[in-house]
Amino acid sequence: ALRQQSGSSTSAAPVRIVVTQPRRIAAITVAKRVAEELGETVGEGVVGYKVRGVSVVSPKCKILFCTTGVLLRRLSHEGQQDMFSPKTVTHLIVDEVHERNCETDFMLTFLRQVIEERSQLKVVLMSATMDAECFLKYFAVPSRVSGSAGQ
């Protein structure tokens, strides 16, 4: 999708993917790996990362890897009206969602508050061990689960 968009002359809405990781080292390592697989250097193309005290992004950044805490700070600056708006995120991927902590719980609470107003937002919750039905009930979504435990 990113490659199609960058080569397209149509006025498609910009893609802004945010991937949260519970730890700084995971955000940095995965960002570097994804950039490498795209044939880029992290922070110079479409892949970047932000962790506490470090921002490695370019103006072309479309895939941002960050810690949950960084995303929470960003959301607090956006305010309720712009929270999870298409200006800042079109796709939200929460990795290791089973690692429950205050930051993840706050982020999921904010997401739940705005999810109905942000119908264009694509959300992926990932975990090797999560109870998918629990999250589906929390967000009041009919069962649409991909994969299975451990995948």
N, C-alpha and C. Protein backbone atom coordinates (compact mmCIF):
# COMPACT_ATOMS: atom_id res chain seq x y z
N ALA A 1 0.82 -1.19 0.00
CA ALA A 1 0.00 0.00 0.00
C ALA A 1 0.87 1.27 0.00
N LEU A 2 1.96 1.22 0.77
CA LEU A 2 2.85 2.39 0.81
C LEU A 2 3.54 2.60 -0.52
N ARG A 3 4.00 1.53 -1.11
CA ARG A 3 4.68 1.65 -2.40
C ARG A 3 3.72 2.14 -3.48
N GLN A 4 2.48 1.64 -3.47
CA GLN A 4 1.49 2.10 -4.44
C GLN A 4 1.20 3.58 -4.26
N GLN A 5 1.08 4.01 -3.02
CA GLN A 5 0.76 5.40 -2.75
C GLN A 5 1.89 6.32 -3.19
N SER A 6 3.13 5.93 -2.92
CA SER A 6 4.24 6.81 -3.27
C SER A 6 4.40 6.94 -4.78
N GLY A 7 4.00 5.91 -5.54
CA GLY A 7 4.11 5.98 -6.99
C GLY A 7 2.86 6.47 -7.68
N SER A 8 1.83 6.75 -6.92
CA SER A 8 0.55 7.14 -7.49
C SER A 8 0.43 8.65 -7.62
N SER A 9 -0.22 9.10 -8.69
CA SER A 9 -0.44 10.53 -8.86
C SER A 9 -1.84 10.92 -8.39
N THR A 10 -2.62 9.94 -7.92
CA THR A 10 -3.95 10.26 -7.42
C THR A 10 -3.86 10.89 -6.04
N SER A 11 -4.93 11.53 -5.65
CA SER A 11 -4.92 12.22 -4.36
C SER A 11 -5.51 11.33 -3.26
N ALA A 12 -4.97 10.13 -3.11
CA ALA A 12 -5.42 9.23 -2.06
C ALA A 12 -5.02 9.80 -0.71
N ALA A 13 -5.82 9.50 0.30
CA ALA A 13 -5.49 9.97 1.64
C ALA A 13 -4.15 9.37 2.07
N PRO A 14 -3.33 10.15 2.75
CA PRO A 14 -2.02 9.64 3.16
C PRO A 14 -2.15 8.52 4.19
N VAL A 15 -1.23 7.58 4.10
CA VAL A 15 -1.18 6.47 5.05
C VAL A 15 -0.26 6.88 6.19
N ARG A 16 -0.74 6.70 7.42
CA ARG A 16 0.05 6.99 8.61
C ARG A 16 -0.12 5.81 9.57
N ILE A 17 0.89 4.96 9.60
CA ILE A 17 0.84 3.75 10.41
C ILE A 17 1.64 3.98 11.69
N VAL A 18 1.01 3.71 12.82
CA VAL A 18 1.68 3.80 14.11
C VAL A 18 1.69 2.41 14.72
N VAL A 19 2.88 1.94 15.08
CA VAL A 19 3.04 0.63 15.69
C VAL A 19 3.61 0.83 17.08
N THR A 20 2.86 0.40 18.10
CA THR A 20 3.37 0.55 19.46
C THR A 20 4.04 -0.74 19.92
N GLN A 21 5.07 -0.55 20.69
CA GLN A 21 5.80 -1.64 21.32
C GLN A 21 5.89 -1.33 22.82
N PRO A 22 5.88 -2.34 23.68
CA PRO A 22 5.92 -2.06 25.11
C PRO A 22 7.28 -1.56 25.60
N ARG A 23 8.35 -1.87 24.85
CA ARG A 23 9.69 -1.48 25.29
C ARG A 23 10.44 -0.74 24.19
N ARG A 24 11.33 0.15 24.61
CA ARG A 24 12.12 0.97 23.68
C ARG A 24 12.95 0.12 22.73
N ILE A 25 13.62 -0.89 23.27
CA ILE A 25 14.50 -1.71 22.44
C ILE A 25 13.71 -2.42 21.35
N ALA A 26 12.48 -2.83 21.66
CA ALA A 26 11.64 -3.49 20.65
C ALA A 26 11.26 -2.51 19.54
N ALA A 27 10.87 -1.29 19.90
CA ALA A 27 10.49 -0.29 18.90
C ALA A 27 11.65 0.00 17.96
N ILE A 28 12.83 0.17 18.52
CA ILE A 28 14.01 0.49 17.71
C ILE A 28 14.40 -0.68 16.81
N THR A 29 14.44 -1.87 17.38
CA THR A 29 14.87 -3.06 16.64
C THR A 29 13.91 -3.39 15.51
N VAL A 30 12.61 -3.35 15.78
CA VAL A 30 11.64 -3.67 14.73
C VAL A 30 11.65 -2.60 13.64
N ALA A 31 11.79 -1.35 14.01
CA ALA A 31 11.86 -0.27 13.00
C ALA A 31 13.06 -0.49 12.08
N LYS A 32 14.19 -0.82 12.65
CA LYS A 32 15.39 -1.07 11.83
C LYS A 32 15.18 -2.25 10.90
N ARG A 33 14.54 -3.29 11.41
CA ARG A 33 14.29 -4.48 10.59
C ARG A 33 13.35 -4.17 9.43
N VAL A 34 12.26 -3.47 9.70
CA VAL A 34 11.30 -3.14 8.65
C VAL A 34 11.96 -2.22 7.60
N ALA A 35 12.71 -1.24 8.05
CA ALA A 35 13.41 -0.35 7.11
C ALA A 35 14.37 -1.16 6.23
N GLU A 36 15.10 -2.06 6.84
CA GLU A 36 16.04 -2.90 6.10
C GLU A 36 15.32 -3.72 5.04
N GLU A 37 14.18 -4.29 5.42
CA GLU A 37 13.42 -5.10 4.46
C GLU A 37 12.85 -4.26 3.32
N LEU A 38 12.65 -2.98 3.56
CA LEU A 38 12.20 -2.07 2.50
C LEU A 38 13.37 -1.46 1.73
N GLY A 39 14.59 -1.84 2.10
CA GLY A 39 15.76 -1.32 1.41
C GLY A 39 16.09 0.10 1.79
N GLU A 40 15.73 0.48 3.01
CA GLU A 40 15.96 1.85 3.48
C GLU A 40 16.80 1.84 4.76
N THR A 41 17.19 3.04 5.14
CA THR A 41 17.81 3.25 6.44
C THR A 41 16.74 3.88 7.32
N VAL A 42 16.57 3.35 8.52
CA VAL A 42 15.55 3.88 9.41
C VAL A 42 15.79 5.37 9.64
N GLY A 43 14.72 6.15 9.58
CA GLY A 43 14.83 7.58 9.80
C GLY A 43 15.12 8.40 8.55
N GLU A 44 15.37 7.72 7.42
CA GLU A 44 15.66 8.44 6.18
C GLU A 44 14.59 8.24 5.12
N GLY A 45 13.68 7.32 5.36
CA GLY A 45 12.62 7.03 4.38
C GLY A 45 11.27 7.00 5.05
N VAL A 46 10.49 5.97 4.74
CA VAL A 46 9.13 5.88 5.26
C VAL A 46 9.05 5.28 6.65
N VAL A 47 10.15 4.73 7.16
CA VAL A 47 10.15 4.08 8.47
C VAL A 47 10.95 4.91 9.47
N GLY A 48 10.34 5.12 10.65
CA GLY A 48 11.03 5.84 11.71
C GLY A 48 10.62 5.32 13.07
N TYR A 49 11.25 5.86 14.10
CA TYR A 49 10.85 5.48 15.45
C TYR A 49 11.01 6.66 16.40
N LYS A 50 10.19 6.61 17.45
CA LYS A 50 10.27 7.59 18.53
C LYS A 50 10.17 6.83 19.84
N VAL A 51 11.16 7.04 20.66
CA VAL A 51 11.15 6.50 22.02
C VAL A 51 11.56 7.66 22.93
N ARG A 52 11.35 7.51 24.20
CA ARG A 52 11.65 8.61 25.12
C ARG A 52 13.05 9.16 24.87
N GLY A 53 13.09 10.43 24.51
CA GLY A 53 14.37 11.12 24.33
C GLY A 53 15.00 10.97 22.96
N VAL A 54 14.46 10.11 22.10
CA VAL A 54 15.07 9.87 20.79
C VAL A 54 13.98 9.87 19.71
N SER A 55 14.22 10.66 18.67
CA SER A 55 13.30 10.69 17.54
C SER A 55 14.12 10.51 16.26
N VAL A 56 13.88 9.40 15.57
CA VAL A 56 14.59 9.11 14.32
C VAL A 56 13.52 8.96 13.24
N VAL A 57 13.13 10.08 12.67
CA VAL A 57 12.09 10.11 11.64
C VAL A 57 12.48 11.11 10.56
N SER A 58 11.91 10.92 9.38
CA SER A 58 12.11 11.87 8.29
C SER A 58 10.75 12.48 7.95
N PRO A 59 10.75 13.54 7.17
CA PRO A 59 9.46 14.10 6.74
C PRO A 59 8.63 13.12 5.91
N LYS A 60 9.29 12.09 5.34
CA LYS A 60 8.60 11.09 4.53
C LYS A 60 8.03 9.94 5.37
N CYS A 61 8.19 9.98 6.67
CA CYS A 61 7.82 8.87 7.55
C CYS A 61 6.33 8.52 7.43
N LYS A 62 6.06 7.27 7.13
CA LYS A 62 4.69 6.75 7.04
C LYS A 62 4.44 5.63 8.05
N ILE A 63 5.52 5.00 8.53
CA ILE A 63 5.41 3.93 9.52
C ILE A 63 6.24 4.34 10.73
N LEU A 64 5.56 4.65 11.80
CA LEU A 64 6.23 5.10 13.02
C LEU A 64 6.14 4.02 14.08
N PHE A 65 7.28 3.56 14.55
CA PHE A 65 7.35 2.63 15.67
C PHE A 65 7.62 3.46 16.92
N CYS A 66 6.87 3.21 17.97
CA CYS A 66 7.06 3.97 19.20
C CYS A 66 6.63 3.15 20.40
N THR A 67 7.01 3.61 21.56
CA THR A 67 6.53 2.97 22.77
C THR A 67 5.11 3.46 23.05
N THR A 68 4.41 2.71 23.86
CA THR A 68 3.05 3.09 24.21
C THR A 68 3.06 4.44 24.92
N GLY A 69 4.06 4.70 25.75
CA GLY A 69 4.16 5.97 26.46
C GLY A 69 4.30 7.15 25.52
N VAL A 70 5.07 7.00 24.45
CA VAL A 70 5.23 8.07 23.46
C VAL A 70 3.89 8.35 22.78
N LEU A 71 3.16 7.29 22.44
CA LEU A 71 1.85 7.50 21.82
C LEU A 71 0.89 8.19 22.79
N LEU A 72 0.92 7.83 24.06
CA LEU A 72 0.06 8.50 25.04
C LEU A 72 0.37 9.99 25.14
N ARG A 73 1.65 10.34 25.15
CA ARG A 73 2.01 11.76 25.19
C ARG A 73 1.51 12.48 23.94
N ARG A 74 1.64 11.84 22.82
CA ARG A 74 1.15 12.42 21.57
C ARG A 74 -0.37 12.63 21.63
N LEU A 75 -1.09 11.64 22.13
CA LEU A 75 -2.54 11.74 22.23
C LEU A 75 -2.95 12.86 23.19
N SER A 76 -2.21 13.01 24.28
CA SER A 76 -2.56 14.06 25.25
C SER A 76 -2.37 15.45 24.64
N HIS A 77 -1.42 15.60 23.72
CA HIS A 77 -1.22 16.89 23.05
C HIS A 77 -2.28 17.13 21.98
N GLU A 78 -2.79 16.05 21.38
CA GLU A 78 -3.81 16.20 20.34
C GLU A 78 -5.14 16.63 20.92
N GLY A 79 -5.45 16.17 22.11
CA GLY A 79 -6.75 16.47 22.71
C GLY A 79 -7.84 15.55 22.18
N GLN A 80 -8.97 15.58 22.82
CA GLN A 80 -10.07 14.67 22.50
C GLN A 80 -10.56 14.82 21.06
N GLN A 81 -10.64 16.05 20.57
CA GLN A 81 -11.19 16.29 19.23
C GLN A 81 -10.34 15.63 18.13
N ASP A 82 -9.02 15.65 18.26
CA ASP A 82 -8.15 15.10 17.21
C ASP A 82 -7.55 13.75 17.56
N MET A 83 -7.94 13.17 18.69
CA MET A 83 -7.36 11.91 19.12
C MET A 83 -7.61 10.81 18.09
N PHE A 84 -6.55 10.17 17.65
CA PHE A 84 -6.59 9.11 16.64
C PHE A 84 -7.20 9.60 15.33
N SER A 85 -6.98 10.87 14.99
CA SER A 85 -7.55 11.40 13.74
C SER A 85 -6.70 10.96 12.55
N PRO A 86 -7.26 10.99 11.34
CA PRO A 86 -6.51 10.60 10.14
C PRO A 86 -5.29 11.49 9.89
N LYS A 87 -5.26 12.69 10.48
CA LYS A 87 -4.09 13.56 10.32
C LYS A 87 -2.85 12.93 10.95
N THR A 88 -3.06 12.11 11.98
CA THR A 88 -1.91 11.56 12.70
C THR A 88 -1.80 10.05 12.62
N VAL A 89 -2.91 9.33 12.42
CA VAL A 89 -2.83 7.87 12.33
C VAL A 89 -4.01 7.33 11.53
N THR A 90 -3.69 6.49 10.53
CA THR A 90 -4.74 5.81 9.76
C THR A 90 -4.81 4.34 10.14
N HIS A 91 -3.69 3.81 10.62
CA HIS A 91 -3.60 2.41 11.04
C HIS A 91 -2.85 2.38 12.37
N LEU A 92 -3.44 1.74 13.36
CA LEU A 92 -2.80 1.59 14.67
C LEU A 92 -2.58 0.12 14.93
N ILE A 93 -1.33 -0.24 15.15
CA ILE A 93 -0.97 -1.62 15.45
C ILE A 93 -0.38 -1.64 16.85
N VAL A 94 -1.04 -2.36 17.75
CA VAL A 94 -0.59 -2.47 19.14
C VAL A 94 -0.01 -3.86 19.30
N ASP A 95 1.30 -3.94 19.41
CA ASP A 95 1.97 -5.23 19.56
C ASP A 95 2.07 -5.57 21.05
N GLU A 96 2.08 -6.85 21.31
CA GLU A 96 2.21 -7.36 22.69
C GLU A 96 1.12 -6.81 23.61
N VAL A 97 -0.11 -6.74 23.10
CA VAL A 97 -1.21 -6.15 23.86
C VAL A 97 -1.50 -6.92 25.15
N HIS A 98 -1.06 -8.17 25.21
CA HIS A 98 -1.27 -8.96 26.43
C HIS A 98 -0.41 -8.47 27.59
N GLU A 99 0.64 -7.70 27.30
CA GLU A 99 1.49 -7.17 28.37
C GLU A 99 0.79 -5.98 29.00
N ARG A 100 -0.20 -6.27 29.78
CA ARG A 100 -1.06 -5.26 30.37
C ARG A 100 -0.29 -4.41 31.38
N ASN A 101 -0.38 -3.12 31.18
CA ASN A 101 0.16 -2.16 32.14
C ASN A 101 -0.70 -0.90 32.06
N CYS A 102 -0.42 0.06 32.90
CA CYS A 102 -1.24 1.28 32.94
C CYS A 102 -1.25 1.99 31.60
N GLU A 103 -0.10 2.09 30.95
CA GLU A 103 -0.03 2.81 29.68
C GLU A 103 -0.90 2.15 28.61
N THR A 104 -0.80 0.83 28.49
CA THR A 104 -1.61 0.12 27.51
C THR A 104 -3.09 0.26 27.83
N ASP A 105 -3.44 0.14 29.11
CA ASP A 105 -4.84 0.27 29.51
C ASP A 105 -5.39 1.66 29.21
N PHE A 106 -4.61 2.70 29.46
CA PHE A 106 -5.04 4.06 29.14
C PHE A 106 -5.23 4.23 27.64
N MET A 107 -4.27 3.72 26.85
CA MET A 107 -4.37 3.86 25.41
C MET A 107 -5.62 3.14 24.89
N LEU A 108 -5.89 1.93 25.38
CA LEU A 108 -7.07 1.20 24.94
C LEU A 108 -8.36 1.91 25.38
N THR A 109 -8.33 2.55 26.55
CA THR A 109 -9.49 3.32 27.01
C THR A 109 -9.75 4.50 26.09
N PHE A 110 -8.69 5.25 25.74
CA PHE A 110 -8.85 6.38 24.82
C PHE A 110 -9.36 5.90 23.46
N LEU A 111 -8.80 4.80 23.00
CA LEU A 111 -9.21 4.24 21.71
C LEU A 111 -10.69 3.86 21.74
N ARG A 112 -11.10 3.24 22.80
CA ARG A 112 -12.51 2.84 22.93
C ARG A 112 -13.45 4.06 22.91
N GLN A 113 -13.01 5.16 23.48
CA GLN A 113 -13.84 6.37 23.53
C GLN A 113 -14.08 6.97 22.15
N VAL A 114 -13.13 6.81 21.24
CA VAL A 114 -13.25 7.48 19.94
C VAL A 114 -13.47 6.54 18.76
N ILE A 115 -13.46 5.25 19.00
CA ILE A 115 -13.48 4.28 17.90
C ILE A 115 -14.71 4.43 17.00
N GLU A 116 -15.86 4.74 17.56
CA GLU A 116 -17.07 4.88 16.74
C GLU A 116 -17.00 6.11 15.84
N GLU A 117 -16.35 7.17 16.31
CA GLU A 117 -16.21 8.39 15.52
C GLU A 117 -15.12 8.27 14.46
N ARG A 118 -14.23 7.31 14.62
CA ARG A 118 -13.09 7.14 13.72
C ARG A 118 -13.25 5.85 12.92
N SER A 119 -14.32 5.76 12.16
CA SER A 119 -14.61 4.52 11.43
C SER A 119 -13.52 4.18 10.41
N GLN A 120 -12.77 5.16 9.95
CA GLN A 120 -11.71 4.91 8.97
C GLN A 120 -10.45 4.34 9.61
N LEU A 121 -10.32 4.43 10.92
CA LEU A 121 -9.13 3.94 11.63
C LEU A 121 -9.10 2.42 11.63
N LYS A 122 -8.00 1.87 11.17
CA LYS A 122 -7.79 0.42 11.19
C LYS A 122 -6.96 0.10 12.42
N VAL A 123 -7.44 -0.84 13.24
CA VAL A 123 -6.76 -1.19 14.47
C VAL A 123 -6.43 -2.67 14.46
N VAL A 124 -5.17 -2.98 14.79
CA VAL A 124 -4.73 -4.36 14.91
C VAL A 124 -4.13 -4.52 16.30
N LEU A 125 -4.69 -5.44 17.08
CA LEU A 125 -4.14 -5.77 18.39
C LEU A 125 -3.45 -7.12 18.24
N MET A 126 -2.16 -7.15 18.58
CA MET A 126 -1.39 -8.39 18.37
C MET A 126 -0.86 -8.93 19.69
N SER A 127 -0.88 -10.24 19.77
CA SER A 127 -0.34 -10.92 20.94
C SER A 127 -0.27 -12.40 20.64
N ALA A 128 0.72 -13.05 21.22
CA ALA A 128 0.81 -14.49 21.08
C ALA A 128 -0.13 -15.20 22.05
N THR A 129 -0.56 -14.50 23.09
CA THR A 129 -1.33 -15.17 24.15
C THR A 129 -2.61 -14.46 24.55
N MET A 130 -3.05 -13.45 23.83
CA MET A 130 -4.21 -12.68 24.28
C MET A 130 -5.52 -13.45 24.12
N ASP A 131 -6.48 -13.07 24.92
CA ASP A 131 -7.83 -13.58 24.83
C ASP A 131 -8.61 -12.66 23.88
N ALA A 132 -8.71 -13.06 22.63
CA ALA A 132 -9.33 -12.21 21.61
C ALA A 132 -10.77 -11.87 21.95
N GLU A 133 -11.51 -12.80 22.46
CA GLU A 133 -12.92 -12.55 22.80
C GLU A 133 -13.04 -11.44 23.84
N CYS A 134 -12.12 -11.39 24.78
CA CYS A 134 -12.14 -10.35 25.82
C CYS A 134 -12.03 -8.97 25.17
N PHE A 135 -11.11 -8.81 24.22
CA PHE A 135 -10.93 -7.52 23.56
C PHE A 135 -12.11 -7.19 22.64
N LEU A 136 -12.65 -8.20 21.98
CA LEU A 136 -13.82 -7.97 21.13
C LEU A 136 -15.00 -7.48 21.96
N LYS A 137 -15.20 -8.07 23.12
CA LYS A 137 -16.28 -7.62 24.01
C LYS A 137 -16.01 -6.20 24.50
N TYR A 138 -14.76 -5.91 24.85
CA TYR A 138 -14.40 -4.59 25.35
C TYR A 138 -14.73 -3.51 24.33
N PHE A 139 -14.42 -3.78 23.08
CA PHE A 139 -14.69 -2.80 22.02
C PHE A 139 -16.06 -2.99 21.39
N ALA A 140 -16.84 -3.93 21.87
CA ALA A 140 -18.19 -4.20 21.38
C ALA A 140 -18.19 -4.43 19.88
N VAL A 141 -17.31 -5.33 19.43
CA VAL A 141 -17.14 -5.63 18.02
C VAL A 141 -17.55 -7.08 17.78
N PRO A 142 -18.29 -7.36 16.71
CA PRO A 142 -18.58 -8.75 16.39
C PRO A 142 -17.29 -9.50 16.10
N SER A 143 -17.26 -10.78 16.35
CA SER A 143 -16.06 -11.59 16.16
C SER A 143 -15.55 -11.50 14.74
N ARG A 144 -14.33 -10.99 14.58
CA ARG A 144 -13.62 -10.92 13.29
C ARG A 144 -12.15 -11.15 13.61
N VAL A 145 -11.82 -12.31 14.12
CA VAL A 145 -10.47 -12.58 14.57
C VAL A 145 -9.69 -13.30 13.48
N SER A 146 -8.46 -12.85 13.23
CA SER A 146 -7.57 -13.52 12.29
C SER A 146 -6.51 -14.24 13.08
N GLY A 147 -6.11 -15.39 12.60
CA GLY A 147 -5.05 -16.14 13.28
C GLY A 147 -5.60 -16.88 14.47
N SER A 148 -4.68 -17.43 15.25
CA SER A 148 -5.07 -18.13 16.46
C SER A 148 -3.99 -17.93 17.50
N ALA A 149 -4.22 -18.43 18.68
CA ALA A 149 -3.24 -18.26 19.77
C ALA A 149 -1.89 -18.78 19.31
N GLY A 150 -0.86 -18.02 19.58
CA GLY A 150 0.48 -18.42 19.22
C GLY A 150 0.90 -18.00 17.82
N GLN A 151 0.04 -17.33 17.08
CA GLN A 151 0.41 -16.89 15.73
C GLN A 151 0.48 -15.40 15.65
